[in-house]
Amino acid sequence: MKKLTLGFAVIVGAVLAGPVQSADLSTGGYCPVAQNARLLSIESNASLTGEVIRLMDEAVAVADSPQWINSGRPAFVWASEAKVACGKAYGYLQSEYRDEDYLNKCECFHARMVRYMY
């Protein structure tokens, strides 16, 4: 019985020790529901800030709406994620820093929210 258990443990360990991939946001195709780098292509910081605020306001409205809070659809979850990511991107923009990671997350999570709304 010990040999069987040991053999099973070795097989499971080998399977679990296979190649591991991380969620790297800098690689293309991270967000299948949004075109990557649309926000990053906006050159003016004022225009970029305005767009981030728009996305954040929409996410806040969905996250605060009983219609989506009580819905069985994941729009509320993605609205909450977009709200945080867009808020962080906005905070960085206040100090004239473009955080590409949070800008991409803001755009992606907002697109996922919208996808689950309709």
PDB file of N, CA and C in Angstrom:
ATOM      1  N   MET A   1       0.821  -1.193   0.000  1.00  0.00           N
ATOM      2  CA  MET A   1       0.000   0.000   0.000  1.00  0.00           C
ATOM      3  C   MET A   1       0.865   1.257   0.000  1.00  0.00           C
ATOM      4  N   LYS A   2       1.998   1.217   0.745  1.00  0.00           N
ATOM      5  CA  LYS A   2       2.886   2.372   0.788  1.00  0.00           C
ATOM      6  C   LYS A   2       3.476   2.655  -0.584  1.00  0.00           C
ATOM      7  N   LYS A   3       3.810   1.592  -1.338  1.00  0.00           N
ATOM      8  CA  LYS A   3       4.375   1.776  -2.672  1.00  0.00           C
ATOM      9  C   LYS A   3       3.353   2.411  -3.605  1.00  0.00           C
ATOM     10  N   LEU A   4       2.097   2.015  -3.489  1.00  0.00           N
ATOM     11  CA  LEU A   4       1.041   2.577  -4.319  1.00  0.00           C
ATOM     12  C   LEU A   4       0.843   4.055  -3.999  1.00  0.00           C
ATOM     13  N   THR A   5       0.818   4.387  -2.723  1.00  0.00           N
ATOM     14  CA  THR A   5       0.662   5.778  -2.304  1.00  0.00           C
ATOM     15  C   THR A   5       1.849   6.613  -2.752  1.00  0.00           C
ATOM     16  N   LEU A   6       3.056   6.086  -2.601  1.00  0.00           N
ATOM     17  CA  LEU A   6       4.256   6.797  -3.023  1.00  0.00           C
ATOM     18  C   LEU A   6       4.261   6.986  -4.536  1.00  0.00           C
ATOM     19  N   GLY A   7       3.888   5.961  -5.270  1.00  0.00           N
ATOM     20  CA  GLY A   7       3.826   6.057  -6.734  1.00  0.00           C
ATOM     21  C   GLY A   7       2.816   7.093  -7.183  1.00  0.00           C
ATOM     22  N   PHE A   8       1.665   7.108  -6.541  1.00  0.00           N
ATOM     23  CA  PHE A   8       0.638   8.094  -6.859  1.00  0.00           C
ATOM     24  C   PHE A   8       1.137   9.507  -6.566  1.00  0.00           C
ATOM     25  N   ALA A   9       1.819   9.684  -5.450  1.00  0.00           N
ATOM     26  CA  ALA A   9       2.360  10.993  -5.076  1.00  0.00           C
ATOM     27  C   ALA A   9       3.387  11.466  -6.095  1.00  0.00           C
ATOM     28  N   VAL A  10       4.213  10.563  -6.597  1.00  0.00           N
ATOM     29  CA  VAL A  10       5.221  10.924  -7.599  1.00  0.00           C
ATOM     30  C   VAL A  10       4.547  11.355  -8.898  1.00  0.00           C
ATOM     31  N   ILE A  11       3.524  10.629  -9.317  1.00  0.00           N
ATOM     32  CA  ILE A  11       2.815  10.975 -10.552  1.00  0.00           C
ATOM     33  C   ILE A  11       2.118  12.324 -10.414  1.00  0.00           C
ATOM     34  N   VAL A  12       1.423  12.531  -9.313  1.00  0.00           N
ATOM     35  CA  VAL A  12       0.737  13.803  -9.086  1.00  0.00           C
ATOM     36  C   VAL A  12       1.744  14.942  -9.018  1.00  0.00           C
ATOM     37  N   GLY A  13       2.865  14.731  -8.352  1.00  0.00           N
ATOM     38  CA  GLY A  13       3.904  15.760  -8.261  1.00  0.00           C
ATOM     39  C   GLY A  13       4.469  16.110  -9.624  1.00  0.00           C
ATOM     40  N   ALA A  14       4.663  15.123 -10.472  1.00  0.00           N
ATOM     41  CA  ALA A  14       5.192  15.378 -11.816  1.00  0.00           C
ATOM     42  C   ALA A  14       4.203  16.169 -12.657  1.00  0.00           C
ATOM     43  N   VAL A  15       2.929  15.852 -12.526  1.00  0.00           N
ATOM     44  CA  VAL A  15       1.903  16.570 -13.285  1.00  0.00           C
ATOM     45  C   VAL A  15       1.805  18.010 -12.801  1.00  0.00           C
ATOM     46  N   LEU A  16       1.808  18.196 -11.498  1.00  0.00           N
ATOM     47  CA  LEU A  16       1.680  19.541 -10.942  1.00  0.00           C
ATOM     48  C   LEU A  16       2.927  20.384 -11.147  1.00  0.00           C
ATOM     49  N   ALA A  17       4.062  19.758 -11.360  1.00  0.00           N
ATOM     50  CA  ALA A  17       5.304  20.501 -11.535  1.00  0.00           C
ATOM     51  C   ALA A  17       5.549  20.852 -12.999  1.00  0.00           C
ATOM     52  N   GLY A  18       4.555  20.687 -13.842  1.00  0.00           N
ATOM     53  CA  GLY A  18       4.682  21.012 -15.265  1.00  0.00           C
ATOM     54  C   GLY A  18       4.910  22.503 -15.464  1.00  0.00           C
ATOM     55  N   PRO A  19       4.949  22.936 -16.708  1.00  0.00           N
ATOM     56  CA  PRO A  19       5.209  24.350 -16.984  1.00  0.00           C
ATOM     57  C   PRO A  19       4.121  25.243 -16.390  1.00  0.00           C
ATOM     58  N   VAL A  20       4.558  26.348 -15.830  1.00  0.00           N
ATOM     59  CA  VAL A  20       3.650  27.286 -15.198  1.00  0.00           C
ATOM     60  C   VAL A  20       3.751  28.613 -15.929  1.00  0.00           C
ATOM     61  N   GLN A  21       2.610  29.237 -16.207  1.00  0.00           N
ATOM     62  CA  GLN A  21       2.590  30.533 -16.862  1.00  0.00           C
ATOM     63  C   GLN A  21       1.963  31.544 -15.921  1.00  0.00           C
ATOM     64  N   SER A  22       2.518  32.736 -15.922  1.00  0.00           N
ATOM     65  CA  SER A  22       1.957  33.782 -15.077  1.00  0.00           C
ATOM     66  C   SER A  22       1.078  34.696 -15.920  1.00  0.00           C
ATOM     67  N   ALA A  23       0.248  35.469 -15.254  1.00  0.00           N
ATOM     68  CA  ALA A  23      -0.614  36.429 -15.941  1.00  0.00           C
ATOM     69  C   ALA A  23       0.165  37.716 -16.131  1.00  0.00           C
ATOM     70  N   ASP A  24       0.900  37.804 -17.212  1.00  0.00           N
ATOM     71  CA  ASP A  24       1.703  38.986 -17.499  1.00  0.00           C
ATOM     72  C   ASP A  24       0.881  39.946 -18.341  1.00  0.00           C
ATOM     73  N   LEU A  25       0.577  41.111 -17.785  1.00  0.00           N
ATOM     74  CA  LEU A  25      -0.267  42.072 -18.476  1.00  0.00           C
ATOM     75  C   LEU A  25       0.438  42.769 -19.624  1.00  0.00           C
ATOM     76  N   SER A  26       1.747  42.694 -19.676  1.00  0.00           N
ATOM     77  CA  SER A  26       2.473  43.417 -20.716  1.00  0.00           C
ATOM     78  C   SER A  26       2.485  42.679 -22.040  1.00  0.00           C
ATOM     79  N   THR A  27       2.087  41.423 -22.051  1.00  0.00           N
ATOM     80  CA  THR A  27       2.077  40.681 -23.301  1.00  0.00           C
ATOM     81  C   THR A  27       0.788  40.956 -24.049  1.00  0.00           C
ATOM     82  N   GLY A  28       0.845  40.883 -25.346  1.00  0.00           N
ATOM     83  CA  GLY A  28      -0.326  41.134 -26.159  1.00  0.00           C
ATOM     84  C   GLY A  28      -1.381  40.069 -25.949  1.00  0.00           C
ATOM     85  N   GLY A  29      -2.624  40.438 -26.152  1.00  0.00           N
ATOM     86  CA  GLY A  29      -3.700  39.490 -26.048  1.00  0.00           C
ATOM     87  C   GLY A  29      -4.144  39.183 -24.631  1.00  0.00           C
ATOM     88  N   TYR A  30      -3.742  39.976 -23.663  1.00  0.00           N
ATOM     89  CA  TYR A  30      -4.143  39.728 -22.275  1.00  0.00           C
ATOM     90  C   TYR A  30      -5.649  39.815 -22.121  1.00  0.00           C
ATOM     91  N   CYS A  31      -6.211  40.820 -22.741  1.00  0.00           N
ATOM     92  CA  CYS A  31      -7.639  41.060 -22.561  1.00  0.00           C
ATOM     93  C   CYS A  31      -8.376  40.764 -23.861  1.00  0.00           C
ATOM     94  N   PRO A  32      -9.022  39.625 -23.936  1.00  0.00           N
ATOM     95  CA  PRO A  32      -9.674  39.249 -25.188  1.00  0.00           C
ATOM     96  C   PRO A  32     -10.902  40.088 -25.534  1.00  0.00           C
ATOM     97  N   VAL A  33     -11.436  40.850 -24.580  1.00  0.00           N
ATOM     98  CA  VAL A  33     -12.649  41.624 -24.855  1.00  0.00           C
ATOM     99  C   VAL A  33     -12.379  43.097 -25.126  1.00  0.00           C
ATOM    100  N   ALA A  34     -11.131  43.521 -25.029  1.00  0.00           N
ATOM    101  CA  ALA A  34     -10.797  44.925 -25.278  1.00  0.00           C
ATOM    102  C   ALA A  34      -9.568  44.999 -26.170  1.00  0.00           C
ATOM    103  N   GLN A  35      -9.515  46.037 -26.945  1.00  0.00           N
ATOM    104  CA  GLN A  35      -8.327  46.273 -27.755  1.00  0.00           C
ATOM    105  C   GLN A  35      -7.253  46.840 -26.837  1.00  0.00           C
ATOM    106  N   ASN A  36      -6.166  46.102 -26.671  1.00  0.00           N
ATOM    107  CA  ASN A  36      -5.098  46.561 -25.781  1.00  0.00           C
ATOM    108  C   ASN A  36      -4.522  47.888 -26.252  1.00  0.00           C
ATOM    109  N   ALA A  37      -4.144  48.689 -25.318  1.00  0.00           N
ATOM    110  CA  ALA A  37      -3.407  49.933 -25.531  1.00  0.00           C
ATOM    111  C   ALA A  37      -4.224  51.040 -26.184  1.00  0.00           C
ATOM    112  N   ARG A  38      -5.550  50.953 -26.168  1.00  0.00           N
ATOM    113  CA  ARG A  38      -6.328  52.080 -26.678  1.00  0.00           C
ATOM    114  C   ARG A  38      -6.099  53.292 -25.787  1.00  0.00           C
ATOM    115  N   LEU A  39      -6.137  53.084 -24.473  1.00  0.00           N
ATOM    116  CA  LEU A  39      -5.865  54.198 -23.569  1.00  0.00           C
ATOM    117  C   LEU A  39      -4.433  54.683 -23.711  1.00  0.00           C
ATOM    118  N   LEU A  40      -3.513  53.744 -23.888  1.00  0.00           N
ATOM    119  CA  LEU A  40      -2.103  54.124 -23.993  1.00  0.00           C
ATOM    120  C   LEU A  40      -1.812  54.929 -25.251  1.00  0.00           C
ATOM    121  N   SER A  41      -2.687  54.837 -26.241  1.00  0.00           N
ATOM    122  CA  SER A  41      -2.450  55.576 -27.481  1.00  0.00           C
ATOM    123  C   SER A  41      -2.890  57.037 -27.387  1.00  0.00           C
ATOM    124  N   ILE A  42      -3.574  57.408 -26.317  1.00  0.00           N
ATOM    125  CA  ILE A  42      -3.989  58.802 -26.127  1.00  0.00           C
ATOM    126  C   ILE A  42      -2.778  59.597 -25.663  1.00  0.00           C
ATOM    127  N   GLU A  43      -2.383  60.575 -26.460  1.00  0.00           N
ATOM    128  CA  GLU A  43      -1.146  61.311 -26.161  1.00  0.00           C
ATOM    129  C   GLU A  43      -1.321  62.383 -25.094  1.00  0.00           C
ATOM    130  N   SER A  44      -2.427  63.083 -25.114  1.00  0.00           N
ATOM    131  CA  SER A  44      -2.650  64.173 -24.170  1.00  0.00           C
ATOM    132  C   SER A  44      -3.015  63.619 -22.796  1.00  0.00           C
ATOM    133  N   ASN A  45      -2.287  64.055 -21.772  1.00  0.00           N
ATOM    134  CA  ASN A  45      -2.603  63.606 -20.415  1.00  0.00           C
ATOM    135  C   ASN A  45      -3.992  64.066 -19.981  1.00  0.00           C
ATOM    136  N   ALA A  46      -4.410  65.249 -20.439  1.00  0.00           N
ATOM    137  CA  ALA A  46      -5.740  65.746 -20.083  1.00  0.00           C
ATOM    138  C   ALA A  46      -6.821  64.862 -20.700  1.00  0.00           C
ATOM    139  N   SER A  47      -6.649  64.489 -21.956  1.00  0.00           N
ATOM    140  CA  SER A  47      -7.619  63.610 -22.623  1.00  0.00           C
ATOM    141  C   SER A  47      -7.620  62.223 -21.994  1.00  0.00           C
ATOM    142  N   LEU A  48      -6.438  61.725 -21.679  1.00  0.00           N
ATOM    143  CA  LEU A  48      -6.324  60.408 -21.054  1.00  0.00           C
ATOM    144  C   LEU A  48      -6.998  60.409 -19.687  1.00  0.00           C
ATOM    145  N   THR A  49      -6.757  61.444 -18.913  1.00  0.00           N
ATOM    146  CA  THR A  49      -7.383  61.555 -17.594  1.00  0.00           C
ATOM    147  C   THR A  49      -8.902  61.590 -17.725  1.00  0.00           C
ATOM    148  N   GLY A  50      -9.397  62.347 -18.696  1.00  0.00           N
ATOM    149  CA  GLY A  50     -10.840  62.415 -18.924  1.00  0.00           C
ATOM    150  C   GLY A  50     -11.438  61.065 -19.272  1.00  0.00           C
ATOM    151  N   GLU A  51     -10.750  60.298 -20.097  1.00  0.00           N
ATOM    152  CA  GLU A  51     -11.236  58.971 -20.487  1.00  0.00           C
ATOM    153  C   GLU A  51     -11.198  58.002 -19.307  1.00  0.00           C
ATOM    154  N   VAL A  52     -10.137  58.065 -18.515  1.00  0.00           N
ATOM    155  CA  VAL A  52     -10.047  57.198 -17.330  1.00  0.00           C
ATOM    156  C   VAL A  52     -11.163  57.542 -16.344  1.00  0.00           C
ATOM    157  N   ILE A  53     -11.434  58.821 -16.163  1.00  0.00           N
ATOM    158  CA  ILE A  53     -12.519  59.241 -15.268  1.00  0.00           C
ATOM    159  C   ILE A  53     -13.860  58.730 -15.787  1.00  0.00           C
ATOM    160  N   ARG A  54     -14.070  58.799 -17.107  1.00  0.00           N
ATOM    161  CA  ARG A  54     -15.322  58.310 -17.692  1.00  0.00           C
ATOM    162  C   ARG A  54     -15.504  56.814 -17.415  1.00  0.00           C
ATOM    163  N   LEU A  55     -14.443  56.036 -17.653  1.00  0.00           N
ATOM    164  CA  LEU A  55     -14.516  54.595 -17.407  1.00  0.00           C
ATOM    165  C   LEU A  55     -14.752  54.303 -15.926  1.00  0.00           C
ATOM    166  N   MET A  56     -14.068  55.064 -15.071  1.00  0.00           N
ATOM    167  CA  MET A  56     -14.210  54.872 -13.628  1.00  0.00           C
ATOM    168  C   MET A  56     -15.629  55.219 -13.173  1.00  0.00           C
ATOM    169  N   ASP A  57     -16.182  56.330 -13.672  1.00  0.00           N
ATOM    170  CA  ASP A  57     -17.542  56.725 -13.292  1.00  0.00           C
ATOM    171  C   ASP A  57     -18.573  55.676 -13.717  1.00  0.00           C
ATOM    172  N   GLU A  58     -18.398  55.116 -14.919  1.00  0.00           N
ATOM    173  CA  GLU A  58     -19.314  54.065 -15.376  1.00  0.00           C
ATOM    174  C   GLU A  58     -19.202  52.827 -14.489  1.00  0.00           C
ATOM    175  N   ALA A  59     -17.977  52.475 -14.117  1.00  0.00           N
ATOM    176  CA  ALA A  59     -17.769  51.306 -13.257  1.00  0.00           C
ATOM    177  C   ALA A  59     -18.371  51.534 -11.871  1.00  0.00           C
ATOM    178  N   VAL A  60     -18.214  52.728 -11.334  1.00  0.00           N
ATOM    179  CA  VAL A  60     -18.788  53.052 -10.022  1.00  0.00           C
ATOM    180  C   VAL A  60     -20.312  52.961 -10.080  1.00  0.00           C
ATOM    181  N   ALA A  61     -20.902  53.474 -11.163  1.00  0.00           N
ATOM    182  CA  ALA A  61     -22.362  53.432 -11.302  1.00  0.00           C
ATOM    183  C   ALA A  61     -22.872  51.989 -11.318  1.00  0.00           C
ATOM    184  N   VAL A  62     -22.176  51.109 -12.024  1.00  0.00           N
ATOM    185  CA  VAL A  62     -22.595  49.701 -12.079  1.00  0.00           C
ATOM    186  C   VAL A  62     -22.358  49.025 -10.730  1.00  0.00           C
ATOM    187  N   ALA A  63     -21.223  49.309 -10.103  1.00  0.00           N
ATOM    188  CA  ALA A  63     -20.899  48.682  -8.818  1.00  0.00           C
ATOM    189  C   ALA A  63     -21.860  49.113  -7.711  1.00  0.00           C
ATOM    190  N   ASP A  64     -22.456  50.300  -7.856  1.00  0.00           N
ATOM    191  CA  ASP A  64     -23.394  50.801  -6.846  1.00  0.00           C
ATOM    192  C   ASP A  64     -24.855  50.499  -7.177  1.00  0.00           C
ATOM    193  N   SER A  65     -25.111  49.916  -8.333  1.00  0.00           N
ATOM    194  CA  SER A  65     -26.478  49.681  -8.784  1.00  0.00           C
ATOM    195  C   SER A  65     -27.039  48.364  -8.238  1.00  0.00           C
ATOM    196  N   PRO A  66     -28.179  48.422  -7.535  1.00  0.00           N
ATOM    197  CA  PRO A  66     -28.797  47.187  -7.043  1.00  0.00           C
ATOM    198  C   PRO A  66     -29.126  46.205  -8.180  1.00  0.00           C
ATOM    199  N   GLN A  67     -29.403  46.751  -9.368  1.00  0.00           N
ATOM    200  CA  GLN A  67     -29.695  45.892 -10.515  1.00  0.00           C
ATOM    201  C   GLN A  67     -28.542  44.923 -10.773  1.00  0.00           C
ATOM    202  N   TRP A  68     -27.305  45.419 -10.667  1.00  0.00           N
ATOM    203  CA  TRP A  68     -26.147  44.578 -10.960  1.00  0.00           C
ATOM    204  C   TRP A  68     -25.623  43.876  -9.720  1.00  0.00           C
ATOM    205  N   ILE A  69     -25.796  44.497  -8.563  1.00  0.00           N
ATOM    206  CA  ILE A  69     -25.369  43.851  -7.317  1.00  0.00           C
ATOM    207  C   ILE A  69     -26.155  42.558  -7.109  1.00  0.00           C
ATOM    208  N   ASN A  70     -27.448  42.602  -7.382  1.00  0.00           N
ATOM    209  CA  ASN A  70     -28.326  41.449  -7.164  1.00  0.00           C
ATOM    210  C   ASN A  70     -28.423  40.529  -8.372  1.00  0.00           C
ATOM    211  N   SER A  71     -27.750  40.881  -9.428  1.00  0.00           N
ATOM    212  CA  SER A  71     -27.785  40.062 -10.642  1.00  0.00           C
ATOM    213  C   SER A  71     -26.886  38.839 -10.476  1.00  0.00           C
ATOM    214  N   GLY A  72     -27.218  37.797 -11.169  1.00  0.00           N
ATOM    215  CA  GLY A  72     -26.371  36.600 -11.155  1.00  0.00           C
ATOM    216  C   GLY A  72     -25.223  36.700 -12.143  1.00  0.00           C
ATOM    217  N   ARG A  73     -25.173  37.794 -12.897  1.00  0.00           N
ATOM    218  CA  ARG A  73     -24.132  37.977 -13.897  1.00  0.00           C
ATOM    219  C   ARG A  73     -22.905  38.630 -13.254  1.00  0.00           C
ATOM    220  N   PRO A  74     -21.722  38.386 -13.793  1.00  0.00           N
ATOM    221  CA  PRO A  74     -20.496  38.919 -13.181  1.00  0.00           C
ATOM    222  C   PRO A  74     -20.196  40.385 -13.503  1.00  0.00           C
ATOM    223  N   ALA A  75     -21.173  41.130 -13.995  1.00  0.00           N
ATOM    224  CA  ALA A  75     -20.935  42.546 -14.298  1.00  0.00           C
ATOM    225  C   ALA A  75     -20.512  43.307 -13.042  1.00  0.00           C
ATOM    226  N   PHE A  76     -21.134  42.999 -11.902  1.00  0.00           N
ATOM    227  CA  PHE A  76     -20.794  43.675 -10.649  1.00  0.00           C
ATOM    228  C   PHE A  76     -19.340  43.420 -10.258  1.00  0.00           C
ATOM    229  N   VAL A  77     -18.885  42.188 -10.413  1.00  0.00           N
ATOM    230  CA  VAL A  77     -17.502  41.842 -10.056  1.00  0.00           C
ATOM    231  C   VAL A  77     -16.528  42.629 -10.919  1.00  0.00           C
ATOM    232  N   TRP A  78     -16.777  42.653 -12.238  1.00  0.00           N
ATOM    233  CA  TRP A  78     -15.864  43.379 -13.127  1.00  0.00           C
ATOM    234  C   TRP A  78     -15.972  44.883 -12.934  1.00  0.00           C
ATOM    235  N   ALA A  79     -17.158  45.381 -12.555  1.00  0.00           N
ATOM    236  CA  ALA A  79     -17.299  46.804 -12.251  1.00  0.00           C
ATOM    237  C   ALA A  79     -16.452  47.160 -11.037  1.00  0.00           C
ATOM    238  N   SER A  80     -16.464  46.306 -10.038  1.00  0.00           N
ATOM    239  CA  SER A  80     -15.654  46.547  -8.841  1.00  0.00           C
ATOM    240  C   SER A  80     -14.168  46.538  -9.176  1.00  0.00           C
ATOM    241  N   GLU A  81     -13.749  45.599 -10.015  1.00  0.00           N
ATOM    242  CA  GLU A  81     -12.343  45.538 -10.427  1.00  0.00           C
ATOM    243  C   GLU A  81     -11.967  46.765 -11.258  1.00  0.00           C
ATOM    244  N   ALA A  82     -12.849  47.162 -12.175  1.00  0.00           N
ATOM    245  CA  ALA A  82     -12.579  48.332 -13.017  1.00  0.00           C
ATOM    246  C   ALA A  82     -12.507  49.598 -12.172  1.00  0.00           C
ATOM    247  N   LYS A  83     -13.383  49.693 -11.195  1.00  0.00           N
ATOM    248  CA  LYS A  83     -13.403  50.863 -10.307  1.00  0.00           C
ATOM    249  C   LYS A  83     -12.052  51.032  -9.614  1.00  0.00           C
ATOM    250  N   VAL A  84     -11.508  49.953  -9.115  1.00  0.00           N
ATOM    251  CA  VAL A  84     -10.218  50.001  -8.420  1.00  0.00           C
ATOM    252  C   VAL A  84      -9.084  50.304  -9.399  1.00  0.00           C
ATOM    253  N   ALA A  85      -9.043  49.583 -10.516  1.00  0.00           N
ATOM    254  CA  ALA A  85      -7.953  49.768 -11.479  1.00  0.00           C
ATOM    255  C   ALA A  85      -7.970  51.170 -12.075  1.00  0.00           C
ATOM    256  N   CYS A  86      -9.158  51.655 -12.432  1.00  0.00           N
ATOM    257  CA  CYS A  86      -9.253  53.002 -13.001  1.00  0.00           C
ATOM    258  C   CYS A  86      -8.917  54.055 -11.947  1.00  0.00           C
ATOM    259  N   GLY A  87      -9.313  53.810 -10.708  1.00  0.00           N
ATOM    260  CA  GLY A  87      -8.973  54.740  -9.629  1.00  0.00           C
ATOM    261  C   GLY A  87      -7.476  54.838  -9.417  1.00  0.00           C
ATOM    262  N   LYS A  88      -6.792  53.707  -9.486  1.00  0.00           N
ATOM    263  CA  LYS A  88      -5.333  53.726  -9.338  1.00  0.00           C
ATOM    264  C   LYS A  88      -4.679  54.398 -10.540  1.00  0.00           C
ATOM    265  N   ALA A  89      -5.174  54.110 -11.740  1.00  0.00           N
ATOM    266  CA  ALA A  89      -4.631  54.761 -12.938  1.00  0.00           C
ATOM    267  C   ALA A  89      -4.825  56.272 -12.842  1.00  0.00           C
ATOM    268  N   TYR A  90      -5.995  56.689 -12.371  1.00  0.00           N
ATOM    269  CA  TYR A  90      -6.279  58.114 -12.200  1.00  0.00           C
ATOM    270  C   TYR A  90      -5.339  58.735 -11.171  1.00  0.00           C
ATOM    271  N   GLY A  91      -5.099  58.043 -10.084  1.00  0.00           N
ATOM    272  CA  GLY A  91      -4.178  58.546  -9.062  1.00  0.00           C
ATOM    273  C   GLY A  91      -2.783  58.766  -9.617  1.00  0.00           C
ATOM    274  N   TYR A  92      -2.299  57.818 -10.403  1.00  0.00           N
ATOM    275  CA  TYR A  92      -0.985  57.986 -11.024  1.00  0.00           C
ATOM    276  C   TYR A  92      -0.993  59.150 -12.008  1.00  0.00           C
ATOM    277  N   LEU A  93      -2.085  59.317 -12.751  1.00  0.00           N
ATOM    278  CA  LEU A  93      -2.155  60.418 -13.715  1.00  0.00           C
ATOM    279  C   LEU A  93      -2.135  61.775 -13.018  1.00  0.00           C
ATOM    280  N   GLN A  94      -2.612  61.834 -11.781  1.00  0.00           N
ATOM    281  CA  GLN A  94      -2.582  63.091 -11.034  1.00  0.00           C
ATOM    282  C   GLN A  94      -1.156  63.577 -10.803  1.00  0.00           C
ATOM    283  N   SER A  95      -0.215  62.642 -10.772  1.00  0.00           N
ATOM    284  CA  SER A  95       1.192  63.019 -10.602  1.00  0.00           C
ATOM    285  C   SER A  95       1.950  62.944 -11.931  1.00  0.00           C
ATOM    286  N   GLU A  96       1.183  63.005 -13.039  1.00  0.00           N
ATOM    287  CA  GLU A  96       1.758  63.008 -14.394  1.00  0.00           C
ATOM    288  C   GLU A  96       2.502  61.719 -14.730  1.00  0.00           C
ATOM    289  N   TYR A  97       2.133  60.608 -14.107  1.00  0.00           N
ATOM    290  CA  TYR A  97       2.766  59.322 -14.401  1.00  0.00           C
ATOM    291  C   TYR A  97       1.741  58.403 -15.043  1.00  0.00           C
ATOM    292  N   ARG A  98       2.106  57.826 -16.173  1.00  0.00           N
ATOM    293  CA  ARG A  98       1.230  56.882 -16.879  1.00  0.00           C
ATOM    294  C   ARG A  98       1.617  55.463 -16.480  1.00  0.00           C
ATOM    295  N   ASP A  99       0.855  54.866 -15.620  1.00  0.00           N
ATOM    296  CA  ASP A  99       1.114  53.486 -15.219  1.00  0.00           C
ATOM    297  C   ASP A  99       0.418  52.572 -16.226  1.00  0.00           C
ATOM    298  N   GLU A 100       1.206  51.988 -17.122  1.00  0.00           N
ATOM    299  CA  GLU A 100       0.652  51.186 -18.212  1.00  0.00           C
ATOM    300  C   GLU A 100      -0.128  49.985 -17.695  1.00  0.00           C
ATOM    301  N   ASP A 101       0.337  49.392 -16.626  1.00  0.00           N
ATOM    302  CA  ASP A 101      -0.340  48.223 -16.065  1.00  0.00           C
ATOM    303  C   ASP A 101      -1.762  48.579 -15.632  1.00  0.00           C
ATOM    304  N   TYR A 102      -1.917  49.648 -14.863  1.00  0.00           N
ATOM    305  CA  TYR A 102      -3.245  50.023 -14.393  1.00  0.00           C
ATOM    306  C   TYR A 102      -4.109  50.593 -15.509  1.00  0.00           C
ATOM    307  N   LEU A 103      -3.518  51.260 -16.483  1.00  0.00           N
ATOM    308  CA  LEU A 103      -4.302  51.736 -17.623  1.00  0.00           C
ATOM    309  C   LEU A 103      -4.871  50.553 -18.408  1.00  0.00           C
ATOM    310  N   ASN A 104      -4.049  49.534 -18.636  1.00  0.00           N
ATOM    311  CA  ASN A 104      -4.530  48.339 -19.342  1.00  0.00           C
ATOM    312  C   ASN A 104      -5.582  47.599 -18.526  1.00  0.00           C
ATOM    313  N   LYS A 105      -5.367  47.501 -17.212  1.00  0.00           N
ATOM    314  CA  LYS A 105      -6.358  46.838 -16.357  1.00  0.00           C
ATOM    315  C   LYS A 105      -7.674  47.609 -16.365  1.00  0.00           C
ATOM    316  N   CYS A 106      -7.593  48.921 -16.271  1.00  0.00           N
ATOM    317  CA  CYS A 106      -8.790  49.759 -16.283  1.00  0.00           C
ATOM    318  C   CYS A 106      -9.599  49.497 -17.548  1.00  0.00           C
ATOM    319  N   GLU A 107      -8.930  49.547 -18.669  1.00  0.00           N
ATOM    320  CA  GLU A 107      -9.599  49.349 -19.954  1.00  0.00           C
ATOM    321  C   GLU A 107     -10.160  47.929 -20.081  1.00  0.00           C
ATOM    322  N   CYS A 108      -9.370  46.961 -19.699  1.00  0.00           N
ATOM    323  CA  CYS A 108      -9.781  45.561 -19.813  1.00  0.00           C
ATOM    324  C   CYS A 108     -10.958  45.245 -18.894  1.00  0.00           C
ATOM    325  N   PHE A 109     -10.855  45.618 -17.638  1.00  0.00           N
ATOM    326  CA  PHE A 109     -11.903  45.288 -16.680  1.00  0.00           C
ATOM    327  C   PHE A 109     -13.210  46.009 -17.022  1.00  0.00           C
ATOM    328  N   HIS A 110     -13.100  47.244 -17.524  1.00  0.00           N
ATOM    329  CA  HIS A 110     -14.298  47.970 -17.949  1.00  0.00           C
ATOM    330  C   HIS A 110     -14.952  47.245 -19.125  1.00  0.00           C
ATOM    331  N   ALA A 111     -14.146  46.804 -20.083  1.00  0.00           N
ATOM    332  CA  ALA A 111     -14.686  46.081 -21.241  1.00  0.00           C
ATOM    333  C   ALA A 111     -15.360  44.780 -20.807  1.00  0.00           C
ATOM    334  N   ARG A 112     -14.773  44.100 -19.842  1.00  0.00           N
ATOM    335  CA  ARG A 112     -15.394  42.866 -19.341  1.00  0.00           C
ATOM    336  C   ARG A 112     -16.716  43.180 -18.648  1.00  0.00           C
ATOM    337  N   MET A 113     -16.750  44.260 -17.894  1.00  0.00           N
ATOM    338  CA  MET A 113     -17.985  44.677 -17.233  1.00  0.00           C
ATOM    339  C   MET A 113     -19.083  44.890 -18.272  1.00  0.00           C
ATOM    340  N   VAL A 114     -18.766  45.658 -19.301  1.00  0.00           N
ATOM    341  CA  VAL A 114     -19.749  45.961 -20.345  1.00  0.00           C
ATOM    342  C   VAL A 114     -20.186  44.682 -21.054  1.00  0.00           C
ATOM    343  N   ARG A 115     -19.257  43.796 -21.295  1.00  0.00           N
ATOM    344  CA  ARG A 115     -19.580  42.538 -21.979  1.00  0.00           C
ATOM    345  C   ARG A 115     -20.626  41.736 -21.200  1.00  0.00           C
ATOM    346  N   TYR A 116     -20.519  41.727 -19.882  1.00  0.00           N
ATOM    347  CA  TYR A 116     -21.463  40.954 -19.081  1.00  0.00           C
ATOM    348  C   TYR A 116     -22.768  41.698 -18.813  1.00  0.00           C
ATOM    349  N   MET A 117     -22.827  42.956 -19.172  1.00  0.00           N
ATOM    350  CA  MET A 117     -24.056  43.719 -18.969  1.00  0.00           C
ATOM    351  C   MET A 117     -25.056  43.470 -20.093  1.00  0.00           C
ATOM    352  N   TYR A 118     -24.560  43.179 -21.289  1.00  0.00           N
ATOM    353  CA  TYR A 118     -25.449  43.062 -22.460  1.00  0.00           C
ATOM    354  C   TYR A 118     -25.367  41.719 -23.103  1.00  0.00           C
TER     355      TYR A 118
END
